[in-house]
C-alpha atoms as a PDB file:
ATOM      1  CA  MET A   1     276.813 185.695-125.981  1.00  0.00           C
ATOM      2  CA  GLU A   2     279.932 186.440-123.940  1.00  0.00           C
ATOM      3  CA  TYR A   3     277.787 186.488-120.795  1.00  0.00           C
ATOM      4  CA  ALA A   4     276.472 183.009-121.615  1.00  0.00           C
ATOM      5  CA  VAL A   5     280.003 181.677-121.969  1.00  0.00           C
ATOM      6  CA  HIS A   6     281.093 183.532-118.818  1.00  0.00           C
ATOM      7  CA  ARG A   7     278.255 181.896-116.862  1.00  0.00           C
ATOM      8  CA  GLY A   8     279.368 178.467-118.117  1.00  0.00           C
ATOM      9  CA  LYS A   9     276.302 178.009-120.311  1.00  0.00           C
ATOM     10  CA  PRO A  10     277.451 178.642-123.898  1.00  0.00           C
ATOM     11  CA  VAL A  11     274.297 177.039-125.289  1.00  0.00           C
ATOM     12  CA  TRP A  12     272.407 180.139-124.126  1.00  0.00           C
ATOM     13  CA  ALA A  13     274.099 181.985-127.002  1.00  0.00           C
ATOM     14  CA  LEU A  14     271.883 180.039-129.408  1.00  0.00           C
ATOM     15  CA  TRP A  15     268.668 181.800-128.453  1.00  0.00           C
ATOM     16  CA  PHE A  16     267.289 183.086-131.769  1.00  0.00           C
ATOM     17  CA  CYS A  17     267.226 186.674-130.505  1.00  0.00           C
ATOM     18  CA  TYR A  18     270.949 186.625-129.648  1.00  0.00           C
ATOM     19  CA  VAL A  19     271.897 185.002-132.938  1.00  0.00           C
ATOM     20  CA  ALA A  20     269.706 187.537-134.742  1.00  0.00           C
ATOM     21  CA  LEU A  21     271.372 190.452-132.967  1.00  0.00           C
ATOM     22  CA  ILE A  22     274.802 189.336-134.192  1.00  0.00           C
ATOM     23  CA  VAL A  23     273.670 188.507-137.738  1.00  0.00           C
ATOM     24  CA  ILE A  24     271.749 191.795-138.028  1.00  0.00           C
ATOM     25  CA  GLY A  25     274.934 193.575-136.971  1.00  0.00           C
ATOM     26  CA  PHE A  26     276.871 191.793-139.730  1.00  0.00           C
ATOM     27  CA  GLY A  27     274.067 192.578-142.166  1.00  0.00           C
ATOM     28  CA  MET A  28     274.245 196.249-141.249  1.00  0.00           C
ATOM     29  CA  LEU A  29     278.029 196.365-141.630  1.00  0.00           C
ATOM     30  CA  ALA A  30     277.853 194.541-144.972  1.00  0.00           C
ATOM     31  CA  LYS A  31     274.767 196.513-146.044  1.00  0.00           C
ATOM     32  CA  ASN A  32     273.050 193.213-146.765  1.00  0.00           C
ATOM     33  CA  SER A  33     269.285 193.543-146.411  1.00  0.00           C
ATOM     34  CA  MET A  34     268.799 189.822-147.052  1.00  0.00           C
ATOM     35  CA  LEU A  35     270.630 188.970-143.803  1.00  0.00           C
ATOM     36  CA  ILE A  36     268.708 191.586-141.847  1.00  0.00           C
ATOM     37  CA  ALA A  37     265.331 190.474-143.210  1.00  0.00           C
ATOM     38  CA  SER A  38     266.144 186.819-142.577  1.00  0.00           C
ATOM     39  CA  GLN A  39     266.685 187.602-138.913  1.00  0.00           C
ATOM     40  CA  LEU A  40     263.531 189.685-138.709  1.00  0.00           C
ATOM     41  CA  ASN A  41     261.677 186.703-140.152  1.00  0.00           C
ATOM     42  CA  ALA A  42     263.114 184.426-137.480  1.00  0.00           C
ATOM     43  CA  VAL A  43     262.464 186.620-134.444  1.00  0.00           C
ATOM     44  CA  SER A  44     259.880 189.366-135.006  1.00  0.00           C
ATOM     45  CA  VAL A  45     256.708 187.554-133.976  1.00  0.00           C
ATOM     46  CA  SER A  46     258.385 185.960-130.965  1.00  0.00           C
ATOM     47  CA  LEU A  47     259.788 189.300-129.836  1.00  0.00           C
ATOM     48  CA  ILE A  48     256.431 191.006-130.237  1.00  0.00           C
ATOM     49  CA  ILE A  49     254.894 188.274-128.075  1.00  0.00           C
ATOM     50  CA  TRP A  50     257.737 188.692-125.556  1.00  0.00           C
ATOM     51  CA  ASN A  51     257.134 192.452-125.391  1.00  0.00           C
ATOM     52  CA  ILE A  52     253.373 192.057-124.995  1.00  0.00           C
ATOM     53  CA  ASP A  53     253.946 189.553-122.202  1.00  0.00           C
ATOM     54  CA  PHE A  54     256.464 191.871-120.528  1.00  0.00           C
ATOM     55  CA  PHE A  55     254.098 194.842-120.535  1.00  0.00           C
ATOM     56  CA  SER A  56     251.122 192.701-119.537  1.00  0.00           C
ATOM     57  CA  ARG A  57     253.115 191.702-116.446  1.00  0.00           C
ATOM     58  CA  ILE A  58     254.037 195.339-115.733  1.00  0.00           C
ATOM     59  CA  PHE A  59     250.518 196.752-116.144  1.00  0.00           C
ATOM     60  CA  THR A  60     248.231 193.859-115.146  1.00  0.00           C
ATOM     61  CA  ASP A  61     250.540 191.740-112.980  1.00  0.00           C
ATOM     62  CA  GLN A  62     249.654 188.809-115.272  1.00  0.00           C
ATOM     63  CA  HIS A  63     251.709 187.009-117.903  1.00  0.00           C
ATOM     64  CA  TRP A  64     249.442 186.747-120.931  1.00  0.00           C
ATOM     65  CA  PHE A  65     251.777 184.326-122.713  1.00  0.00           C
ATOM     66  CA  GLY A  66     254.204 183.198-120.020  1.00  0.00           C
ATOM     67  CA  THR A  67     257.324 184.065-122.018  1.00  0.00           C
ATOM     68  CA  THR A  68     258.775 186.602-119.580  1.00  0.00           C
ATOM     69  CA  LYS A  69     258.309 184.790-116.291  1.00  0.00           C
ATOM     70  CA  TYR A  70     262.075 184.261-116.072  1.00  0.00           C
ATOM     71  CA  PHE A  71     262.664 188.028-116.292  1.00  0.00           C
ATOM     72  CA  PHE A  72     260.643 188.677-113.150  1.00  0.00           C
ATOM     73  CA  SER A  73     262.201 185.790-111.244  1.00  0.00           C
ATOM     74  CA  ASN A  74     264.226 186.738-108.187  1.00  0.00           C
ATOM     75  CA  SER A  75     266.977 184.371-109.323  1.00  0.00           C
ATOM     76  CA  LEU A  76     267.737 186.310-112.537  1.00  0.00           C
ATOM     77  CA  LEU A  77     270.941 188.313-112.166  1.00  0.00           C
ATOM     78  CA  LEU A  78     271.065 192.007-113.077  1.00  0.00           C
ATOM     79  CA  PRO A  79     273.414 191.518-116.081  1.00  0.00           C
ATOM     80  CA  ALA A  80     270.966 188.989-117.533  1.00  0.00           C
ATOM     81  CA  ARG A  81     268.098 191.448-117.066  1.00  0.00           C
ATOM     82  CA  LEU A  82     270.063 194.172-118.838  1.00  0.00           C
ATOM     83  CA  ILE A  83     270.946 191.830-121.706  1.00  0.00           C
ATOM     84  CA  SER A  84     267.273 190.855-122.048  1.00  0.00           C
ATOM     85  CA  LEU A  85     266.413 194.467-122.764  1.00  0.00           C
ATOM     86  CA  GLU A  86     267.610 193.822-126.322  1.00  0.00           C
ATOM     87  CA  HIS A  87     264.130 192.379-126.869  1.00  0.00           C
ATOM     88  CA  PHE A  88     262.839 195.962-126.969  1.00  0.00           C
ATOM     89  CA  PHE A  89     265.110 197.414-129.635  1.00  0.00           C
ATOM     90  CA  LEU A  90     266.054 194.521-131.926  1.00  0.00           C
ATOM     91  CA  VAL A  91     263.046 194.669-134.282  1.00  0.00           C
ATOM     92  CA  PRO A  92     262.882 198.491-134.567  1.00  0.00           C
ATOM     93  CA  LEU A  93     266.645 198.669-135.136  1.00  0.00           C
ATOM     94  CA  ALA A  94     266.489 196.016-137.863  1.00  0.00           C
ATOM     95  CA  LEU A  95     263.520 197.709-139.547  1.00  0.00           C
ATOM     96  CA  VAL A  96     265.365 201.030-139.658  1.00  0.00           C
ATOM     97  CA  ALA A  97     268.467 199.312-141.060  1.00  0.00           C
ATOM     98  CA  LEU A  98     266.365 197.504-143.655  1.00  0.00           C
ATOM     99  CA  TYR A  99     264.774 200.776-144.682  1.00  0.00           C
ATOM    100  CA  LEU A 100     268.113 202.547-144.970  1.00  0.00           C
ATOM    101  CA  ILE A 101     269.825 199.777-146.942  1.00  0.00           C
ATOM    102  CA  ARG A 102     266.899 199.147-149.306  1.00  0.00           C
ATOM    103  CA  GLY A 103     268.215 195.908-150.787  1.00  0.00           C
ATOM    104  CA  SER A 104     266.568 192.719-151.927  1.00  0.00           C
ATOM    105  CA  ILE A 105     264.738 190.616-149.335  1.00  0.00           C
ATOM    106  CA  LYS A 106     263.100 188.255-151.806  1.00  0.00           C
ATOM    107  CA  TRP A 107     264.837 185.074-150.600  1.00  0.00           C
ATOM    108  CA  ALA A 108     265.336 186.010-146.936  1.00  0.00           C
ATOM    109  CA  TRP A 109     262.712 183.485-145.862  1.00  0.00           C
ATOM    110  CA  ILE A 110     264.893 180.628-147.159  1.00  0.00           C
ATOM    111  CA  ILE A 111     267.816 181.772-145.017  1.00  0.00           C
ATOM    112  CA  SER A 112     265.423 181.959-142.053  1.00  0.00           C
ATOM    113  CA  LEU A 113     264.119 178.432-142.595  1.00  0.00           C
ATOM    114  CA  ILE A 114     267.614 176.998-142.926  1.00  0.00           C
ATOM    115  CA  GLU A 115     268.819 178.839-139.835  1.00  0.00           C
ATOM    116  CA  VAL A 116     265.983 177.833-137.503  1.00  0.00           C
ATOM    117  CA  THR A 117     266.093 174.237-138.719  1.00  0.00           C
ATOM    118  CA  ALA A 118     269.866 174.037-138.235  1.00  0.00           C
ATOM    119  CA  ILE A 119     269.652 175.497-134.728  1.00  0.00           C
ATOM    120  CA  TYR A 120     266.792 173.124-133.857  1.00  0.00           C
ATOM    121  CA  ILE A 121     268.755 170.078-135.024  1.00  0.00           C
ATOM    122  CA  PHE A 122     271.961 171.281-133.343  1.00  0.00           C
ATOM    123  CA  LEU A 123     270.179 171.816-130.018  1.00  0.00           C
ATOM    124  CA  HIS A 124     268.570 168.369-130.168  1.00  0.00           C
ATOM    125  CA  ILE A 125     271.890 166.712-130.937  1.00  0.00           C
ATOM    126  CA  THR A 126     274.075 168.590-128.466  1.00  0.00           C
ATOM    127  CA  THR A 127     271.855 169.450-125.488  1.00  0.00           C
ATOM    128  CA  THR A 128     269.570 167.669-123.072  1.00  0.00           C
ATOM    129  CA  GLY A 129     266.939 170.359-123.018  1.00  0.00           C
ATOM    130  CA  ASP A 130     267.745 171.549-119.496  1.00  0.00           C
ATOM    131  CA  TYR A 131     267.503 175.178-120.631  1.00  0.00           C
ATOM    132  CA  ASN A 132     264.906 174.635-123.372  1.00  0.00           C
ATOM    133  CA  ILE A 133     266.633 177.081-125.725  1.00  0.00           C
ATOM    134  CA  ASN A 134     264.180 178.437-128.328  1.00  0.00           C
ATOM    135  CA  CYS A 135     261.497 176.233-126.779  1.00  0.00           C
ATOM    136  CA  VAL A 136     262.655 173.284-128.904  1.00  0.00           C
ATOM    137  CA  PHE A 137     262.069 170.679-126.184  1.00  0.00           C
ATOM    138  CA  ASN A 138     258.972 172.060-124.459  1.00  0.00           C
ATOM    139  CA  SER A 139     256.509 174.823-125.156  1.00  0.00           C
ATOM    140  CA  CYS A 140     257.358 178.230-123.725  1.00  0.00           C
ATOM    141  CA  PHE A 141     253.800 179.403-124.323  1.00  0.00           C
ATOM    142  CA  LEU A 142     250.933 178.753-121.971  1.00  0.00           C
ATOM    143  CA  TYR A 143     248.581 177.908-124.841  1.00  0.00           C
ATOM    144  CA  VAL A 144     250.775 175.484-126.814  1.00  0.00           C
ATOM    145  CA  PRO A 145     250.517 171.944-125.430  1.00  0.00           C
ATOM    146  CA  ASN A 146     253.482 169.653-124.861  1.00  0.00           C
ATOM    147  CA  ASP A 147     252.647 166.303-126.401  1.00  0.00           C
ATOM    148  CA  ASN A 148     253.940 163.915-129.060  1.00  0.00           C
ATOM    149  CA  TRP A 149     252.964 166.432-131.725  1.00  0.00           C
ATOM    150  CA  TYR A 150     254.995 169.262-130.204  1.00  0.00           C
ATOM    151  CA  PRO A 151     257.997 169.021-132.601  1.00  0.00           C
ATOM    152  CA  LEU A 152     255.670 169.311-135.610  1.00  0.00           C
ATOM    153  CA  ARG A 153     253.755 172.079-133.882  1.00  0.00           C
ATOM    154  CA  TRP A 154     257.047 173.883-133.178  1.00  0.00           C
ATOM    155  CA  PHE A 155     258.044 173.808-136.857  1.00  0.00           C
ATOM    156  CA  ALA A 156     254.548 174.837-137.964  1.00  0.00           C
ATOM    157  CA  LEU A 157     254.599 177.812-135.574  1.00  0.00           C
ATOM    158  CA  ILE A 158     258.120 178.909-136.481  1.00  0.00           C
ATOM    159  CA  PHE A 159     257.543 178.530-140.228  1.00  0.00           C
ATOM    160  CA  SER A 160     254.258 180.440-139.905  1.00  0.00           C
ATOM    161  CA  MET A 161     256.031 183.246-138.042  1.00  0.00           C
ATOM    162  CA  ILE A 162     258.642 183.418-140.805  1.00  0.00           C
ATOM    163  CA  ALA A 163     255.977 183.508-143.524  1.00  0.00           C
ATOM    164  CA  VAL A 164     253.938 186.201-141.767  1.00  0.00           C
ATOM    165  CA  THR A 165     256.979 188.392-141.209  1.00  0.00           C
ATOM    166  CA  GLN A 166     258.213 187.980-144.783  1.00  0.00           C
ATOM    167  CA  LEU A 167     254.742 188.899-146.038  1.00  0.00           C
ATOM    168  CA  PHE A 168     254.673 191.925-143.734  1.00  0.00           C
ATOM    169  CA  LEU A 169     258.075 193.069-144.931  1.00  0.00           C
ATOM    170  CA  ARG A 170     257.095 192.683-148.575  1.00  0.00           C
ATOM    171  CA  LEU A 171     253.532 194.016-148.489  1.00  0.00           C
ATOM    172  CA  PHE A 172     252.817 196.213-145.527  1.00  0.00           C
ATOM    173  CA  LEU A 173     256.001 198.209-145.418  1.00  0.00           C
ATOM    174  CA  LEU A 174     255.232 199.175-149.010  1.00  0.00           C
ATOM    175  CA  LEU A 175     258.835 198.811-150.069  1.00  0.00           C
ATOM    176  CA  PRO A 176     259.282 199.622-153.741  1.00  0.00           C
ATOM    177  CA  GLU A 177     259.172 196.552-155.962  1.00  0.00           C
ATOM    178  CA  LYS A 178     262.603 197.394-157.359  1.00  0.00           C
ATOM    179  CA  TRP A 179     264.076 196.530-153.917  1.00  0.00           C
ATOM    180  CA  TYR A 180     262.819 192.973-154.258  1.00  0.00           C
ATOM    181  CA  ASN A 181     264.190 192.487-157.735  1.00  0.00           C
ATOM    182  CA  LYS A 182     267.562 194.091-157.025  1.00  0.00           C
ATOM    183  CA  GLN A 183     270.352 191.575-156.434  1.00  0.00           C
ATOM    184  CA  ALA A 184     271.662 191.663-152.854  1.00  0.00           C
END
């Protein structure tokens, strides 16, 4: 976030992954699993897609999703490349923290929905879309069309990602049911 401000582009600090990194840090310090899970809900699917696209570019010289084209651009400065490496460790770090804290995540999806909606509205009110933060103005994915339906499609995709991640956290990690019922 400091780098974004230093470069004269403070709006860059509103990328979901950077917000999530900070909020997960607060969640870890406060031992609040609800905060950590809410950020996992908001970013996990996107970061998995980012990582797949990164490695597809490395191993096949093709971008399967088109989300990491900027990373391989000659115009991207080294500090920005180093900062982007947080895409690799954010989800595993948050999962380990969530496991260690073992608190309630039952309502994390609500925090996620409020957060992404607030950031979406804020970006539409305060920016022109020059940087297309969080893909709110135009699709960042090769397979998602930009048309009049894009804002609805954006919310449907983001809300679906949140729901899938929340379901994964609740069901597939096999966290004991007492974690969900425990007050955070």
